[in-house]
Amino acid sequence: MVAMAASRPVPYVGMRVRVWHLGAMEHAVVEEVHDHGRTLVVDGDTYTLRKLNGRFVRTGEPYYGTRLLLKPPDG
């Protein structure tokens, strides 16, 4: 049996991410991980993994709001 690669990186404290808002992108780092990786704190803002689209979106915003892009380990 061959192991399958994860479809997305598992977030961890210290992981580099990008914050995407209105077409602008900023670099940031994950400060906290909660709820088995479904909630992240980045630059003091909380982001939750949305079931609707599978993206981390800033708490209190619609599913298409400010979101996180997880960078690959080498990127």
PDB file of N, CA and C in Angstrom:
ATOM      1  N   MET A   1       0.838  -1.170   0.000  1.00  0.00           N
ATOM      2  CA  MET A   1       0.000   0.000   0.000  1.00  0.00           C
ATOM      3  C   MET A   1       0.893   1.247   0.000  1.00  0.00           C
ATOM      4  N   VAL A   2       0.537   2.250  -0.794  1.00  0.00           N
ATOM      5  CA  VAL A   2       1.299   3.486  -0.907  1.00  0.00           C
ATOM      6  C   VAL A   2       0.572   4.581  -0.133  1.00  0.00           C
ATOM      7  N   ALA A   3       1.303   5.295   0.715  1.00  0.00           N
ATOM      8  CA  ALA A   3       0.699   6.388   1.485  1.00  0.00           C
ATOM      9  C   ALA A   3       0.434   7.572   0.567  1.00  0.00           C
ATOM     10  N   MET A   4      -0.713   8.205   0.770  1.00  0.00           N
ATOM     11  CA  MET A   4      -1.068   9.384  -0.020  1.00  0.00           C
ATOM     12  C   MET A   4      -0.581  10.637   0.690  1.00  0.00           C
ATOM     13  N   ALA A   5      -0.142  11.607  -0.076  1.00  0.00           N
ATOM     14  CA  ALA A   5       0.279  12.894   0.492  1.00  0.00           C
ATOM     15  C   ALA A   5      -0.952  13.674   0.926  1.00  0.00           C
ATOM     16  N   ALA A   6      -0.793  14.470   1.965  1.00  0.00           N
ATOM     17  CA  ALA A   6      -1.891  15.308   2.441  1.00  0.00           C
ATOM     18  C   ALA A   6      -2.271  16.308   1.349  1.00  0.00           C
ATOM     19  N   SER A   7      -3.564  16.611   1.238  1.00  0.00           N
ATOM     20  CA  SER A   7      -4.015  17.533   0.210  1.00  0.00           C
ATOM     21  C   SER A   7      -3.715  18.981   0.579  1.00  0.00           C
ATOM     22  N   ARG A   8      -3.456  19.229   1.862  1.00  0.00           N
ATOM     23  CA  ARG A   8      -3.083  20.569   2.304  1.00  0.00           C
ATOM     24  C   ARG A   8      -2.115  20.440   3.465  1.00  0.00           C
ATOM     25  N   PRO A   9      -1.240  21.427   3.654  1.00  0.00           N
ATOM     26  CA  PRO A   9      -0.307  21.347   4.775  1.00  0.00           C
ATOM     27  C   PRO A   9      -1.038  21.456   6.109  1.00  0.00           C
ATOM     28  N   VAL A  10      -0.514  20.786   7.111  1.00  0.00           N
ATOM     29  CA  VAL A  10      -1.078  20.869   8.454  1.00  0.00           C
ATOM     30  C   VAL A  10      -0.471  22.094   9.129  1.00  0.00           C
ATOM     31  N   PRO A  11      -1.310  23.042   9.588  1.00  0.00           N
ATOM     32  CA  PRO A  11      -0.761  24.264  10.192  1.00  0.00           C
ATOM     33  C   PRO A  11      -0.087  23.993  11.529  1.00  0.00           C
ATOM     34  N   TYR A  12       0.956  24.786  11.840  1.00  0.00           N
ATOM     35  CA  TYR A  12       1.680  24.668  13.099  1.00  0.00           C
ATOM     36  C   TYR A  12       2.192  26.048  13.493  1.00  0.00           C
ATOM     37  N   VAL A  13       2.454  26.238  14.779  1.00  0.00           N
ATOM     38  CA  VAL A  13       2.984  27.509  15.278  1.00  0.00           C
ATOM     39  C   VAL A  13       4.330  27.766  14.613  1.00  0.00           C
ATOM     40  N   GLY A  14       4.493  28.965  14.089  1.00  0.00           N
ATOM     41  CA  GLY A  14       5.717  29.334  13.388  1.00  0.00           C
ATOM     42  C   GLY A  14       5.635  29.150  11.883  1.00  0.00           C
ATOM     43  N   MET A  15       4.561  28.537  11.399  1.00  0.00           N
ATOM     44  CA  MET A  15       4.401  28.316   9.959  1.00  0.00           C
ATOM     45  C   MET A  15       4.216  29.651   9.236  1.00  0.00           C
ATOM     46  N   ARG A  16       4.909  29.811   8.131  1.00  0.00           N
ATOM     47  CA  ARG A  16       4.760  31.014   7.308  1.00  0.00           C
ATOM     48  C   ARG A  16       3.480  30.898   6.485  1.00  0.00           C
ATOM     49  N   VAL A  17       2.716  31.972   6.455  1.00  0.00           N
ATOM     50  CA  VAL A  17       1.477  32.032   5.686  1.00  0.00           C
ATOM     51  C   VAL A  17       1.417  33.366   4.958  1.00  0.00           C
ATOM     52  N   ARG A  18       0.454  33.475   4.080  1.00  0.00           N
ATOM     53  CA  ARG A  18       0.179  34.742   3.414  1.00  0.00           C
ATOM     54  C   ARG A  18      -1.255  35.130   3.723  1.00  0.00           C
ATOM     55  N   VAL A  19      -1.489  36.402   4.004  1.00  0.00           N
ATOM     56  CA  VAL A  19      -2.825  36.922   4.253  1.00  0.00           C
ATOM     57  C   VAL A  19      -3.284  37.599   2.971  1.00  0.00           C
ATOM     58  N   TRP A  20      -4.408  37.145   2.426  1.00  0.00           N
ATOM     59  CA  TRP A  20      -4.927  37.645   1.151  1.00  0.00           C
ATOM     60  C   TRP A  20      -6.165  38.479   1.427  1.00  0.00           C
ATOM     61  N   HIS A  21      -6.110  39.777   1.073  1.00  0.00           N
ATOM     62  CA  HIS A  21      -7.241  40.672   1.309  1.00  0.00           C
ATOM     63  C   HIS A  21      -7.349  41.672   0.163  1.00  0.00           C
ATOM     64  N   LEU A  22      -8.466  41.651  -0.520  1.00  0.00           N
ATOM     65  CA  LEU A  22      -8.743  42.579  -1.619  1.00  0.00           C
ATOM     66  C   LEU A  22      -7.616  42.639  -2.650  1.00  0.00           C
ATOM     67  N   GLY A  23      -7.082  41.493  -2.976  1.00  0.00           N
ATOM     68  CA  GLY A  23      -6.048  41.417  -3.998  1.00  0.00           C
ATOM     69  C   GLY A  23      -4.645  41.716  -3.504  1.00  0.00           C
ATOM     70  N   ALA A  24      -4.518  42.140  -2.256  1.00  0.00           N
ATOM     71  CA  ALA A  24      -3.193  42.396  -1.682  1.00  0.00           C
ATOM     72  C   ALA A  24      -2.777  41.205  -0.836  1.00  0.00           C
ATOM     73  N   MET A  25      -1.475  40.937  -0.809  1.00  0.00           N
ATOM     74  CA  MET A  25      -0.973  39.800  -0.051  1.00  0.00           C
ATOM     75  C   MET A  25       0.110  40.274   0.904  1.00  0.00           C
ATOM     76  N   GLU A  26       0.012  39.828   2.168  1.00  0.00           N
ATOM     77  CA  GLU A  26       1.016  40.150   3.179  1.00  0.00           C
ATOM     78  C   GLU A  26       1.555  38.853   3.752  1.00  0.00           C
ATOM     79  N   HIS A  27       2.818  38.838   4.111  1.00  0.00           N
ATOM     80  CA  HIS A  27       3.422  37.672   4.732  1.00  0.00           C
ATOM     81  C   HIS A  27       3.202  37.745   6.236  1.00  0.00           C
ATOM     82  N   ALA A  28       2.974  36.601   6.862  1.00  0.00           N
ATOM     83  CA  ALA A  28       2.737  36.535   8.301  1.00  0.00           C
ATOM     84  C   ALA A  28       3.158  35.161   8.810  1.00  0.00           C
ATOM     85  N   VAL A  29       3.009  34.948  10.125  1.00  0.00           N
ATOM     86  CA  VAL A  29       3.386  33.693  10.770  1.00  0.00           C
ATOM     87  C   VAL A  29       2.263  33.267  11.707  1.00  0.00           C
ATOM     88  N   VAL A  30       1.973  31.975  11.747  1.00  0.00           N
ATOM     89  CA  VAL A  30       0.951  31.438  12.649  1.00  0.00           C
ATOM     90  C   VAL A  30       1.459  31.559  14.086  1.00  0.00           C
ATOM     91  N   GLU A  31       0.666  32.206  14.950  1.00  0.00           N
ATOM     92  CA  GLU A  31       1.027  32.401  16.351  1.00  0.00           C
ATOM     93  C   GLU A  31       0.434  31.330  17.260  1.00  0.00           C
ATOM     94  N   GLU A  32      -0.786  30.890  16.950  1.00  0.00           N
ATOM     95  CA  GLU A  32      -1.472  29.888  17.764  1.00  0.00           C
ATOM     96  C   GLU A  32      -2.280  28.967  16.862  1.00  0.00           C
ATOM     97  N   VAL A  33      -2.442  27.719  17.303  1.00  0.00           N
ATOM     98  CA  VAL A  33      -3.269  26.738  16.601  1.00  0.00           C
ATOM     99  C   VAL A  33      -4.249  26.161  17.623  1.00  0.00           C
ATOM    100  N   HIS A  34      -5.547  26.174  17.299  1.00  0.00           N
ATOM    101  CA  HIS A  34      -6.585  25.671  18.198  1.00  0.00           C
ATOM    102  C   HIS A  34      -7.519  24.725  17.442  1.00  0.00           C
ATOM    103  N   ASP A  35      -8.345  24.024  18.185  1.00  0.00           N
ATOM    104  CA  ASP A  35      -9.401  23.184  17.610  1.00  0.00           C
ATOM    105  C   ASP A  35      -8.840  22.196  16.577  1.00  0.00           C
ATOM    106  N   HIS A  36      -7.749  21.529  16.950  1.00  0.00           N
ATOM    107  CA  HIS A  36      -7.123  20.512  16.085  1.00  0.00           C
ATOM    108  C   HIS A  36      -6.744  21.069  14.712  1.00  0.00           C
ATOM    109  N   GLY A  37      -6.311  22.337  14.690  1.00  0.00           N
ATOM    110  CA  GLY A  37      -5.858  22.943  13.440  1.00  0.00           C
ATOM    111  C   GLY A  37      -6.937  23.619  12.631  1.00  0.00           C
ATOM    112  N   ARG A  38      -8.155  23.708  13.165  1.00  0.00           N
ATOM    113  CA  ARG A  38      -9.242  24.356  12.431  1.00  0.00           C
ATOM    114  C   ARG A  38      -9.339  25.853  12.711  1.00  0.00           C
ATOM    115  N   THR A  39      -8.641  26.323  13.759  1.00  0.00           N
ATOM    116  CA  THR A  39      -8.624  27.742  14.115  1.00  0.00           C
ATOM    117  C   THR A  39      -7.178  28.177  14.283  1.00  0.00           C
ATOM    118  N   LEU A  40      -6.824  29.279  13.623  1.00  0.00           N
ATOM    119  CA  LEU A  40      -5.464  29.792  13.683  1.00  0.00           C
ATOM    120  C   LEU A  40      -5.478  31.256  14.105  1.00  0.00           C
ATOM    121  N   VAL A  41      -4.451  31.663  14.832  1.00  0.00           N
ATOM    122  CA  VAL A  41      -4.261  33.069  15.176  1.00  0.00           C
ATOM    123  C   VAL A  41      -3.021  33.541  14.429  1.00  0.00           C
ATOM    124  N   VAL A  42      -3.207  34.597  13.637  1.00  0.00           N
ATOM    125  CA  VAL A  42      -2.131  35.170  12.830  1.00  0.00           C
ATOM    126  C   VAL A  42      -2.185  36.687  12.994  1.00  0.00           C
ATOM    127  N   ASP A  43      -1.086  37.284  13.427  1.00  0.00           N
ATOM    128  CA  ASP A  43      -1.018  38.729  13.664  1.00  0.00           C
ATOM    129  C   ASP A  43      -2.153  39.214  14.560  1.00  0.00           C
ATOM    130  N   GLY A  44      -2.525  38.413  15.541  1.00  0.00           N
ATOM    131  CA  GLY A  44      -3.577  38.791  16.489  1.00  0.00           C
ATOM    132  C   GLY A  44      -4.988  38.569  15.997  1.00  0.00           C
ATOM    133  N   ASP A  45      -5.165  38.185  14.744  1.00  0.00           N
ATOM    134  CA  ASP A  45      -6.497  37.915  14.181  1.00  0.00           C
ATOM    135  C   ASP A  45      -6.743  36.411  14.148  1.00  0.00           C
ATOM    136  N   THR A  46      -7.994  36.027  14.382  1.00  0.00           N
ATOM    137  CA  THR A  46      -8.376  34.619  14.372  1.00  0.00           C
ATOM    138  C   THR A  46      -8.981  34.264  13.024  1.00  0.00           C
ATOM    139  N   TYR A  47      -8.549  33.120  12.488  1.00  0.00           N
ATOM    140  CA  TYR A  47      -9.057  32.601  11.214  1.00  0.00           C
ATOM    141  C   TYR A  47      -9.602  31.205  11.457  1.00  0.00           C
ATOM    142  N   THR A  48     -10.744  30.900  10.861  1.00  0.00           N
ATOM    143  CA  THR A  48     -11.331  29.571  11.014  1.00  0.00           C
ATOM    144  C   THR A  48     -11.430  28.885   9.655  1.00  0.00           C
ATOM    145  N   LEU A  49     -11.302  27.571   9.677  1.00  0.00           N
ATOM    146  CA  LEU A  49     -11.424  26.777   8.461  1.00  0.00           C
ATOM    147  C   LEU A  49     -12.905  26.634   8.137  1.00  0.00           C
ATOM    148  N   ARG A  50     -13.316  27.104   6.989  1.00  0.00           N
ATOM    149  CA  ARG A  50     -14.725  27.086   6.595  1.00  0.00           C
ATOM    150  C   ARG A  50     -15.062  25.790   5.881  1.00  0.00           C
ATOM    151  N   LYS A  51     -16.144  25.182   6.305  1.00  0.00           N
ATOM    152  CA  LYS A  51     -16.589  23.938   5.675  1.00  0.00           C
ATOM    153  C   LYS A  51     -17.060  24.180   4.243  1.00  0.00           C
ATOM    154  N   LEU A  52     -17.609  25.351   3.985  1.00  0.00           N
ATOM    155  CA  LEU A  52     -18.162  25.664   2.674  1.00  0.00           C
ATOM    156  C   LEU A  52     -17.116  25.622   1.564  1.00  0.00           C
ATOM    157  N   ASN A  53     -15.934  26.207   1.836  1.00  0.00           N
ATOM    158  CA  ASN A  53     -14.941  26.287   0.772  1.00  0.00           C
ATOM    159  C   ASN A  53     -13.557  25.750   1.161  1.00  0.00           C
ATOM    160  N   GLY A  54     -13.401  25.274   2.401  1.00  0.00           N
ATOM    161  CA  GLY A  54     -12.135  24.692   2.830  1.00  0.00           C
ATOM    162  C   GLY A  54     -11.009  25.702   2.969  1.00  0.00           C
ATOM    163  N   ARG A  55     -11.348  26.972   3.202  1.00  0.00           N
ATOM    164  CA  ARG A  55     -10.335  28.011   3.342  1.00  0.00           C
ATOM    165  C   ARG A  55     -10.352  28.578   4.753  1.00  0.00           C
ATOM    166  N   PHE A  56      -9.194  29.074   5.200  1.00  0.00           N
ATOM    167  CA  PHE A  56      -9.120  29.775   6.474  1.00  0.00           C
ATOM    168  C   PHE A  56      -9.513  31.222   6.222  1.00  0.00           C
ATOM    169  N   VAL A  57     -10.617  31.660   6.870  1.00  0.00           N
ATOM    170  CA  VAL A  57     -11.137  33.007   6.681  1.00  0.00           C
ATOM    171  C   VAL A  57     -11.203  33.701   8.033  1.00  0.00           C
ATOM    172  N   ARG A  58     -10.913  35.011   8.061  1.00  0.00           N
ATOM    173  CA  ARG A  58     -10.928  35.775   9.301  1.00  0.00           C
ATOM    174  C   ARG A  58     -12.302  35.680   9.968  1.00  0.00           C
ATOM    175  N   THR A  59     -12.291  35.418  11.268  1.00  0.00           N
ATOM    176  CA  THR A  59     -13.523  35.281  12.036  1.00  0.00           C
ATOM    177  C   THR A  59     -14.353  36.557  11.911  1.00  0.00           C
ATOM    178  N   GLY A  60     -15.660  36.369  11.701  1.00  0.00           N
ATOM    179  CA  GLY A  60     -16.579  37.492  11.577  1.00  0.00           C
ATOM    180  C   GLY A  60     -16.774  37.979  10.156  1.00  0.00           C
ATOM    181  N   GLU A  61     -16.016  37.439   9.219  1.00  0.00           N
ATOM    182  CA  GLU A  61     -16.149  37.844   7.824  1.00  0.00           C
ATOM    183  C   GLU A  61     -16.850  36.742   7.036  1.00  0.00           C
ATOM    184  N   PRO A  62     -17.459  37.093   5.889  1.00  0.00           N
ATOM    185  CA  PRO A  62     -18.096  36.064   5.058  1.00  0.00           C
ATOM    186  C   PRO A  62     -17.057  35.102   4.487  1.00  0.00           C
ATOM    187  N   TYR A  63     -17.524  33.999   3.928  1.00  0.00           N
ATOM    188  CA  TYR A  63     -16.632  32.951   3.419  1.00  0.00           C
ATOM    189  C   TYR A  63     -15.648  33.451   2.369  1.00  0.00           C
ATOM    190  N   TYR A  64     -15.946  34.557   1.720  1.00  0.00           N
ATOM    191  CA  TYR A  64     -15.071  35.096   0.683  1.00  0.00           C
ATOM    192  C   TYR A  64     -14.194  36.247   1.209  1.00  0.00           C
ATOM    193  N   GLY A  65     -14.174  36.464   2.519  1.00  0.00           N
ATOM    194  CA  GLY A  65     -13.422  37.566   3.116  1.00  0.00           C
ATOM    195  C   GLY A  65     -11.924  37.318   3.166  1.00  0.00           C
ATOM    196  N   THR A  66     -11.262  38.050   4.054  1.00  0.00           N
ATOM    197  CA  THR A  66      -9.807  37.948   4.226  1.00  0.00           C
ATOM    198  C   THR A  66      -9.436  36.518   4.555  1.00  0.00           C
ATOM    199  N   ARG A  67      -8.499  35.944   3.809  1.00  0.00           N
ATOM    200  CA  ARG A  67      -8.166  34.536   4.033  1.00  0.00           C
ATOM    201  C   ARG A  67      -6.660  34.312   4.096  1.00  0.00           C
ATOM    202  N   LEU A  68      -6.322  33.140   4.600  1.00  0.00           N
ATOM    203  CA  LEU A  68      -4.929  32.736   4.706  1.00  0.00           C
ATOM    204  C   LEU A  68      -4.580  31.779   3.584  1.00  0.00           C
ATOM    205  N   LEU A  69      -3.391  31.920   3.078  1.00  0.00           N
ATOM    206  CA  LEU A  69      -2.853  30.961   2.119  1.00  0.00           C
ATOM    207  C   LEU A  69      -1.674  30.295   2.813  1.00  0.00           C
ATOM    208  N   LEU A  70      -1.761  29.006   3.014  1.00  0.00           N
ATOM    209  CA  LEU A  70      -0.680  28.268   3.676  1.00  0.00           C
ATOM    210  C   LEU A  70       0.431  28.033   2.656  1.00  0.00           C
ATOM    211  N   LYS A  71       1.644  28.382   3.040  1.00  0.00           N
ATOM    212  CA  LYS A  71       2.793  28.203   2.154  1.00  0.00           C
ATOM    213  C   LYS A  71       3.362  26.803   2.338  1.00  0.00           C
ATOM    214  N   PRO A  72       3.868  26.206   1.277  1.00  0.00           N
ATOM    215  CA  PRO A  72       4.524  24.914   1.429  1.00  0.00           C
ATOM    216  C   PRO A  72       5.795  25.072   2.259  1.00  0.00           C
ATOM    217  N   PRO A  73       6.257  24.011   2.917  1.00  0.00           N
ATOM    218  CA  PRO A  73       7.425  24.082   3.792  1.00  0.00           C
ATOM    219  C   PRO A  73       8.661  24.693   3.143  1.00  0.00           C
ATOM    220  N   ASP A  74       8.862  24.475   1.856  1.00  0.00           N
ATOM    221  CA  ASP A  74      10.057  25.018   1.195  1.00  0.00           C
ATOM    222  C   ASP A  74       9.805  26.376   0.566  1.00  0.00           C
ATOM    223  N   GLY A  75       8.555  26.864   0.600  1.00  0.00           N
ATOM    224  CA  GLY A  75       8.248  28.122  -0.084  1.00  0.00           C
ATOM    225  C   GLY A  75       8.132  29.228   0.807  1.00  0.00           C
TER     226      GLY A  75
END
